[in-house]
């Protein structure tokens, strides 16, 4: 995912500041964030997104919830943990 300036501006608490030409507009009396604050927030947002890659990969790999519940019903929670959850967690380990 690629974050853009408006994402950072919104994350800094500036919302609903869009003008009719889709450019950021700030009401009178509102000090806009500095370019360095925007760039720092963009870097923070991107780092948070990148750090969750393992979670997105895991989510895509797990079978549908219905299948998981069926596995638990027929085989028990221990089997589900060992045969459904653990292989995915091993494939996409949590960093750190």
Protein backbone atom coordinates (compact mmCIF):
# COMPACT_ATOMS: atom_id res chain seq x y z
CA UNK A 1 0.00 0.00 0.00
CA UNK A 2 1.24 3.44 -0.83
CA UNK A 3 0.16 6.20 1.52
CA UNK A 4 -0.34 9.72 0.20
CA UNK A 5 -0.21 13.17 1.76
CA UNK A 6 -3.92 13.24 2.56
CA UNK A 7 -3.55 9.99 4.56
CA UNK A 8 -0.85 11.61 6.68
CA UNK A 9 -2.81 14.84 7.09
CA UNK A 10 -5.88 12.89 8.24
CA UNK A 11 -3.75 10.77 10.62
CA UNK A 12 -2.39 13.99 12.11
CA UNK A 13 -5.96 14.94 13.01
CA UNK A 14 -6.80 17.25 10.13
CA UNK A 15 -10.03 16.00 8.60
CA UNK A 16 -12.58 17.50 6.22
CA UNK A 17 -10.15 19.99 4.78
CA UNK A 18 -10.81 19.31 1.11
CA UNK A 19 -11.55 22.16 -1.22
CA UNK A 20 -13.79 21.99 -4.29
CA UNK A 21 -10.79 21.28 -6.52
CA UNK A 22 -9.75 18.25 -4.37
CA UNK A 23 -6.79 20.14 -2.93
CA UNK A 24 -6.19 20.41 0.78
CA UNK A 25 -7.70 23.59 2.17
CA UNK A 26 -7.45 24.72 5.77
CA UNK A 27 -9.95 27.06 7.41
CA UNK A 28 -8.77 30.47 8.55
CA UNK A 29 -6.96 30.23 11.86
CA UNK A 30 -5.90 26.60 11.36
CA UNK A 31 -2.16 26.08 11.06
CA UNK A 32 -1.51 23.33 8.54
CA UNK A 33 0.98 20.62 9.43
CA UNK A 34 4.55 21.16 8.30
CA UNK A 35 5.99 19.21 5.41
CA UNK A 36 8.37 17.46 7.82
CA UNK A 37 5.43 16.45 10.07
CA UNK A 38 3.60 15.07 7.03
CA UNK A 39 6.67 13.17 5.84
CA UNK A 40 7.27 11.75 9.32
CA UNK A 41 3.65 10.60 9.53
CA UNK A 42 3.86 9.05 6.05
CA UNK A 43 6.95 7.10 7.13
CA UNK A 44 5.21 6.00 10.34
CA UNK A 45 2.09 4.84 8.48
CA UNK A 46 4.16 2.92 5.95
CA UNK A 47 6.27 1.27 8.66
CA UNK A 48 3.12 0.18 10.54
CA UNK A 49 1.64 -1.25 7.33
CA UNK A 50 4.85 -3.06 6.41
CA UNK A 51 5.16 -4.52 9.92
CA UNK A 52 1.77 -6.22 9.50
CA UNK A 53 2.67 -8.09 6.31
CA UNK A 54 2.86 -11.39 8.21
CA UNK A 55 -0.69 -10.88 9.55
CA UNK A 56 -2.10 -10.16 6.08
CA UNK A 57 -0.33 -13.23 4.71
CA UNK A 58 -1.67 -15.41 7.51
CA UNK A 59 -5.21 -14.15 7.01
CA UNK A 60 -5.10 -15.02 3.31
CA UNK A 61 -3.73 -18.50 4.07
CA UNK A 62 -6.18 -19.63 6.74
CA UNK A 63 -9.17 -21.63 5.47
CA UNK A 64 -12.64 -20.09 5.76
CA UNK A 65 -14.02 -19.85 9.29
CA UNK A 66 -16.69 -22.45 8.55
CA UNK A 67 -14.01 -25.01 7.66
CA UNK A 68 -12.04 -24.17 10.78
CA UNK A 69 -15.10 -24.58 13.00
CA UNK A 70 -15.92 -27.88 11.31
CA UNK A 71 -12.37 -29.05 11.96
CA UNK A 72 -12.69 -28.11 15.63
CA UNK A 73 -16.06 -29.86 15.92
CA UNK A 74 -14.82 -33.10 14.38
CA UNK A 75 -11.21 -33.14 15.59
CA UNK A 76 -10.98 -30.87 18.63
CA UNK A 77 -9.18 -27.65 19.42
CA UNK A 78 -5.76 -29.29 19.88
CA UNK A 79 -5.93 -30.75 16.37
CA UNK A 80 -7.05 -27.39 14.95
CA UNK A 81 -4.12 -25.63 16.60
CA UNK A 82 -1.64 -28.25 15.41
CA UNK A 83 -2.96 -28.84 11.88
CA UNK A 84 -4.58 -25.56 10.85
CA UNK A 85 -3.08 -22.72 12.87
CA UNK A 86 0.52 -23.81 13.50
CA UNK A 87 1.47 -24.51 9.86
CA UNK A 88 0.32 -21.03 8.84
CA UNK A 89 2.06 -19.37 11.77
CA UNK A 90 5.23 -21.30 10.97
CA UNK A 91 5.04 -20.25 7.33
CA UNK A 92 4.51 -16.57 8.24
CA UNK A 93 6.21 -15.98 11.60
CA UNK A 94 5.65 -12.80 13.54
CA UNK A 95 8.77 -10.64 13.25
CA UNK A 96 10.78 -9.79 16.32
